Amino acid sequence: MQVLAADAPSGSGELLIMNDLPVYKRGRNKIQEAIEEAEQKKRKNKIKNRISAAKSRARSQEHTRFLEEKVEQLRNENALLKKLLSLVRDLMFLLGSCSS
């Protein structure tokens, strides 16, 4: 197959013949570059997503730990207040029985 310069589109690069099909080197490179750029962008987004997910899981775990500590603190405070209430009731009972 003979290739003529007139066969190439204006402004195109070198015309190559591959498997009996014309392939314009410049256009092929641009297509390949676009494909590689899209793949690279996809890989970059996957990496960013993994990092973001890991940070999100860490924040969630930290928040869970905070809430668990708060629950423990409130349980202790509640137990202390129950004891205090019991003592106040006992004291009121004693004071009420002494004044009679």
N, C-alpha and C. Protein backbone atom coordinates (compact mmCIF):
# COMPACT_ATOMS: atom_id res chain seq x y z
N MET A 1 0.85 -1.17 0.00
CA MET A 1 0.00 0.00 0.00
C MET A 1 0.89 1.22 0.00
N GLN A 2 0.62 2.12 -0.91
CA GLN A 2 1.42 3.33 -1.02
C GLN A 2 0.70 4.47 -0.31
N VAL A 3 1.46 5.26 0.42
CA VAL A 3 0.88 6.34 1.20
C VAL A 3 1.26 7.66 0.56
N LEU A 4 0.29 8.50 0.34
CA LEU A 4 0.53 9.81 -0.24
C LEU A 4 0.33 10.87 0.83
N ALA A 5 1.07 11.95 0.72
CA ALA A 5 0.94 13.03 1.69
C ALA A 5 -0.47 13.61 1.66
N ALA A 6 -1.12 13.56 0.49
CA ALA A 6 -2.47 14.10 0.38
C ALA A 6 -3.48 13.30 1.19
N ASP A 7 -3.13 12.05 1.54
CA ASP A 7 -4.03 11.21 2.33
C ASP A 7 -4.10 11.67 3.78
N ALA A 8 -3.08 12.37 4.24
CA ALA A 8 -3.03 12.79 5.64
C ALA A 8 -3.86 14.05 5.82
N PRO A 9 -4.61 14.13 6.91
CA PRO A 9 -5.36 15.36 7.19
C PRO A 9 -4.40 16.51 7.45
N SER A 10 -4.85 17.72 7.18
CA SER A 10 -3.97 18.88 7.37
C SER A 10 -3.62 19.03 8.84
N GLY A 11 -2.36 19.34 9.10
CA GLY A 11 -1.90 19.54 10.46
C GLY A 11 -1.63 18.25 11.20
N SER A 12 -1.78 17.11 10.54
CA SER A 12 -1.56 15.85 11.24
C SER A 12 -0.09 15.50 11.21
N GLY A 13 0.26 14.56 12.00
CA GLY A 13 1.63 14.11 12.06
C GLY A 13 1.91 13.08 11.00
N GLU A 14 2.90 12.31 11.27
CA GLU A 14 3.37 11.30 10.34
C GLU A 14 2.33 10.20 10.19
N LEU A 15 2.15 9.73 8.95
CA LEU A 15 1.20 8.67 8.68
C LEU A 15 1.92 7.34 8.73
N LEU A 16 1.42 6.42 9.53
CA LEU A 16 2.01 5.09 9.66
C LEU A 16 1.02 4.07 9.13
N ILE A 17 1.53 2.96 8.64
CA ILE A 17 0.68 1.87 8.20
C ILE A 17 0.88 0.73 9.18
N MET A 18 -0.19 0.35 9.84
CA MET A 18 -0.13 -0.75 10.80
C MET A 18 -1.25 -1.71 10.45
N ASN A 19 -0.89 -2.98 10.24
CA ASN A 19 -1.88 -4.00 9.90
C ASN A 19 -2.74 -3.56 8.72
N ASP A 20 -2.11 -2.97 7.72
CA ASP A 20 -2.77 -2.50 6.50
C ASP A 20 -3.82 -1.41 6.77
N LEU A 21 -3.76 -0.78 7.95
CA LEU A 21 -4.67 0.30 8.27
C LEU A 21 -3.85 1.55 8.55
N PRO A 22 -4.25 2.67 8.00
CA PRO A 22 -3.50 3.90 8.27
C PRO A 22 -3.75 4.38 9.70
N VAL A 23 -2.68 4.73 10.38
CA VAL A 23 -2.77 5.26 11.74
C VAL A 23 -1.92 6.52 11.77
N TYR A 24 -2.54 7.62 12.11
CA TYR A 24 -1.80 8.87 12.18
C TYR A 24 -1.12 8.94 13.54
N LYS A 25 0.20 9.03 13.49
CA LYS A 25 1.01 8.97 14.71
C LYS A 25 0.59 10.05 15.72
N ARG A 26 0.43 11.26 15.24
CA ARG A 26 0.09 12.36 16.15
C ARG A 26 -1.26 12.11 16.82
N GLY A 27 -2.27 11.76 16.09
CA GLY A 27 -3.58 11.49 16.63
C GLY A 27 -3.58 10.29 17.56
N ARG A 28 -2.86 9.27 17.19
CA ARG A 28 -2.77 8.06 18.02
C ARG A 28 -2.15 8.41 19.36
N ASN A 29 -1.10 9.22 19.32
CA ASN A 29 -0.46 9.60 20.57
C ASN A 29 -1.40 10.41 21.44
N LYS A 30 -2.19 11.29 20.84
CA LYS A 30 -3.12 12.09 21.62
C LYS A 30 -4.19 11.22 22.25
N ILE A 31 -4.68 10.26 21.49
CA ILE A 31 -5.69 9.35 22.02
C ILE A 31 -5.09 8.52 23.15
N GLN A 32 -3.89 8.00 22.93
CA GLN A 32 -3.21 7.19 23.95
C GLN A 32 -2.94 8.04 25.19
N GLU A 33 -2.51 9.27 24.97
CA GLU A 33 -2.27 10.16 26.11
C GLU A 33 -3.56 10.43 26.88
N ALA A 34 -4.65 10.63 26.16
CA ALA A 34 -5.94 10.89 26.81
C ALA A 34 -6.38 9.67 27.62
N ILE A 35 -6.18 8.49 27.06
CA ILE A 35 -6.54 7.26 27.77
C ILE A 35 -5.67 7.11 29.02
N GLU A 36 -4.37 7.32 28.88
CA GLU A 36 -3.47 7.20 30.03
C GLU A 36 -3.78 8.25 31.08
N GLU A 37 -4.12 9.46 30.63
CA GLU A 37 -4.47 10.53 31.56
C GLU A 37 -5.74 10.16 32.33
N ALA A 38 -6.73 9.60 31.63
CA ALA A 38 -7.97 9.20 32.30
C ALA A 38 -7.71 8.08 33.30
N GLU A 39 -6.87 7.12 32.92
CA GLU A 39 -6.52 6.03 33.83
C GLU A 39 -5.77 6.55 35.05
N GLN A 40 -4.85 7.47 34.82
CA GLN A 40 -4.08 8.05 35.92
C GLN A 40 -5.01 8.82 36.86
N LYS A 41 -5.95 9.56 36.29
CA LYS A 41 -6.90 10.32 37.10
C LYS A 41 -7.76 9.36 37.92
N LYS A 42 -8.16 8.25 37.32
CA LYS A 42 -8.97 7.25 38.02
C LYS A 42 -8.18 6.65 39.19
N ARG A 43 -6.90 6.31 38.94
CA ARG A 43 -6.05 5.77 40.01
C ARG A 43 -5.89 6.79 41.13
N LYS A 44 -5.66 8.05 40.75
CA LYS A 44 -5.48 9.11 41.74
C LYS A 44 -6.74 9.28 42.58
N ASN A 45 -7.90 9.25 41.93
CA ASN A 45 -9.17 9.37 42.67
C ASN A 45 -9.38 8.19 43.60
N LYS A 46 -9.00 6.98 43.17
CA LYS A 46 -9.13 5.81 44.04
C LYS A 46 -8.26 5.97 45.28
N ILE A 47 -7.04 6.44 45.09
CA ILE A 47 -6.13 6.63 46.21
C ILE A 47 -6.69 7.69 47.16
N LYS A 48 -7.17 8.82 46.60
CA LYS A 48 -7.74 9.87 47.43
C LYS A 48 -8.96 9.36 48.19
N ASN A 49 -9.76 8.53 47.52
CA ASN A 49 -10.95 7.98 48.16
C ASN A 49 -10.57 7.05 49.31
N ARG A 50 -9.54 6.22 49.11
CA ARG A 50 -9.09 5.33 50.19
C ARG A 50 -8.60 6.13 51.39
N ILE A 51 -7.85 7.18 51.13
CA ILE A 51 -7.34 8.03 52.21
C ILE A 51 -8.51 8.69 52.94
N SER A 52 -9.46 9.21 52.17
CA SER A 52 -10.62 9.86 52.76
C SER A 52 -11.44 8.88 53.60
N ALA A 53 -11.61 7.66 53.09
CA ALA A 53 -12.37 6.64 53.83
C ALA A 53 -11.65 6.27 55.12
N ALA A 54 -10.32 6.15 55.06
CA ALA A 54 -9.54 5.81 56.26
C ALA A 54 -9.67 6.92 57.31
N LYS A 55 -9.61 8.17 56.86
CA LYS A 55 -9.76 9.29 57.79
C LYS A 55 -11.16 9.30 58.40
N SER A 56 -12.16 9.00 57.58
CA SER A 56 -13.53 8.96 58.06
C SER A 56 -13.71 7.87 59.11
N ARG A 57 -13.14 6.69 58.85
CA ARG A 57 -13.22 5.60 59.83
C ARG A 57 -12.52 5.98 61.13
N ALA A 58 -11.38 6.65 61.02
CA ALA A 58 -10.64 7.06 62.23
C ALA A 58 -11.46 8.08 63.03
N ARG A 59 -12.08 9.04 62.34
CA ARG A 59 -12.92 10.02 63.04
C ARG A 59 -14.10 9.32 63.72
N SER A 60 -14.69 8.38 63.03
CA SER A 60 -15.83 7.65 63.59
C SER A 60 -15.42 6.86 64.83
N GLN A 61 -14.27 6.20 64.78
CA GLN A 61 -13.78 5.45 65.93
C GLN A 61 -13.48 6.38 67.10
N GLU A 62 -12.88 7.52 66.82
CA GLU A 62 -12.56 8.49 67.86
C GLU A 62 -13.86 9.01 68.51
N HIS A 63 -14.86 9.28 67.70
CA HIS A 63 -16.14 9.76 68.22
C HIS A 63 -16.79 8.67 69.08
N THR A 64 -16.72 7.43 68.64
CA THR A 64 -17.27 6.31 69.41
C THR A 64 -16.57 6.19 70.76
N ARG A 65 -15.23 6.30 70.76
CA ARG A 65 -14.49 6.26 72.03
C ARG A 65 -14.92 7.40 72.95
N PHE A 66 -15.06 8.59 72.38
CA PHE A 66 -15.50 9.74 73.18
C PHE A 66 -16.86 9.47 73.81
N LEU A 67 -17.80 8.94 73.00
CA LEU A 67 -19.14 8.68 73.52
C LEU A 67 -19.13 7.59 74.59
N GLU A 68 -18.31 6.56 74.41
CA GLU A 68 -18.21 5.49 75.41
C GLU A 68 -17.67 6.04 76.73
N GLU A 69 -16.66 6.92 76.64
CA GLU A 69 -16.12 7.53 77.86
C GLU A 69 -17.17 8.41 78.54
N LYS A 70 -17.95 9.14 77.74
CA LYS A 70 -19.00 9.99 78.28
C LYS A 70 -20.07 9.15 78.97
N VAL A 71 -20.44 8.02 78.38
CA VAL A 71 -21.43 7.12 78.99
C VAL A 71 -20.91 6.62 80.33
N GLU A 72 -19.65 6.21 80.37
CA GLU A 72 -19.06 5.73 81.63
C GLU A 72 -19.06 6.83 82.69
N GLN A 73 -18.70 8.03 82.28
CA GLN A 73 -18.68 9.17 83.22
C GLN A 73 -20.09 9.43 83.75
N LEU A 74 -21.08 9.42 82.88
CA LEU A 74 -22.46 9.68 83.31
C LEU A 74 -23.00 8.57 84.19
N ARG A 75 -22.62 7.32 83.91
CA ARG A 75 -23.04 6.21 84.78
C ARG A 75 -22.46 6.37 86.19
N ASN A 76 -21.19 6.73 86.25
CA ASN A 76 -20.56 6.96 87.56
C ASN A 76 -21.24 8.11 88.30
N GLU A 77 -21.51 9.19 87.57
CA GLU A 77 -22.18 10.35 88.18
C GLU A 77 -23.58 9.96 88.66
N ASN A 78 -24.29 9.17 87.88
CA ASN A 78 -25.63 8.73 88.25
C ASN A 78 -25.59 7.86 89.50
N ALA A 79 -24.63 6.95 89.58
CA ALA A 79 -24.50 6.09 90.76
C ALA A 79 -24.20 6.94 92.00
N LEU A 80 -23.32 7.93 91.84
CA LEU A 80 -22.99 8.81 92.95
C LEU A 80 -24.21 9.61 93.41
N LEU A 81 -24.98 10.11 92.49
CA LEU A 81 -26.19 10.88 92.84
C LEU A 81 -27.23 9.99 93.52
N LYS A 82 -27.34 8.74 93.09
CA LYS A 82 -28.27 7.81 93.75
C LYS A 82 -27.86 7.57 95.20
N LYS A 83 -26.55 7.41 95.42
CA LYS A 83 -26.06 7.23 96.80
C LYS A 83 -26.35 8.48 97.64
N LEU A 84 -26.10 9.64 97.04
CA LEU A 84 -26.35 10.90 97.73
C LEU A 84 -27.83 11.04 98.07
N LEU A 85 -28.70 10.71 97.14
CA LEU A 85 -30.14 10.78 97.37
C LEU A 85 -30.55 9.84 98.51
N SER A 86 -29.98 8.65 98.50
CA SER A 86 -30.28 7.69 99.56
C SER A 86 -29.85 8.23 100.92
N LEU A 87 -28.66 8.85 100.98
CA LEU A 87 -28.18 9.43 102.24
C LEU A 87 -29.08 10.57 102.70
N VAL A 88 -29.51 11.41 101.78
CA VAL A 88 -30.38 12.54 102.13
C VAL A 88 -31.71 12.01 102.64
N ARG A 89 -32.25 10.99 102.00
CA ARG A 89 -33.52 10.40 102.48
C ARG A 89 -33.35 9.82 103.88
N ASP A 90 -32.24 9.10 104.08
CA ASP A 90 -31.98 8.53 105.41
C ASP A 90 -31.85 9.65 106.45
N LEU A 91 -31.16 10.70 106.11
CA LEU A 91 -30.99 11.83 107.02
C LEU A 91 -32.33 12.48 107.33
N MET A 92 -33.15 12.66 106.31
CA MET A 92 -34.47 13.26 106.53
C MET A 92 -35.33 12.35 107.41
N PHE A 93 -35.22 11.05 107.21
CA PHE A 93 -35.98 10.11 108.04
C PHE A 93 -35.54 10.22 109.50
N LEU A 94 -34.20 10.27 109.70
CA LEU A 94 -33.67 10.38 111.05
C LEU A 94 -34.08 11.70 111.71
N LEU A 95 -34.01 12.76 110.94
CA LEU A 95 -34.39 14.07 111.48
C LEU A 95 -35.90 14.11 111.78
N GLY A 96 -36.68 13.48 110.95
CA GLY A 96 -38.13 13.45 111.17
C GLY A 96 -38.49 12.61 112.37
N SER A 97 -37.80 11.51 112.61
CA SER A 97 -38.11 10.65 113.75
C SER A 97 -37.57 11.24 115.04
N CYS A 98 -36.56 12.07 114.99
CA CYS A 98 -35.99 12.70 116.20
C CYS A 98 -36.88 13.83 116.69
N SER A 99 -37.54 14.53 115.80
CA SER A 99 -38.35 15.67 116.22
C SER A 99 -39.71 15.24 116.75
N SER A 100 -40.11 14.03 116.62
CA SER A 100 -41.42 13.59 117.11
C SER A 100 -41.43 13.31 118.59
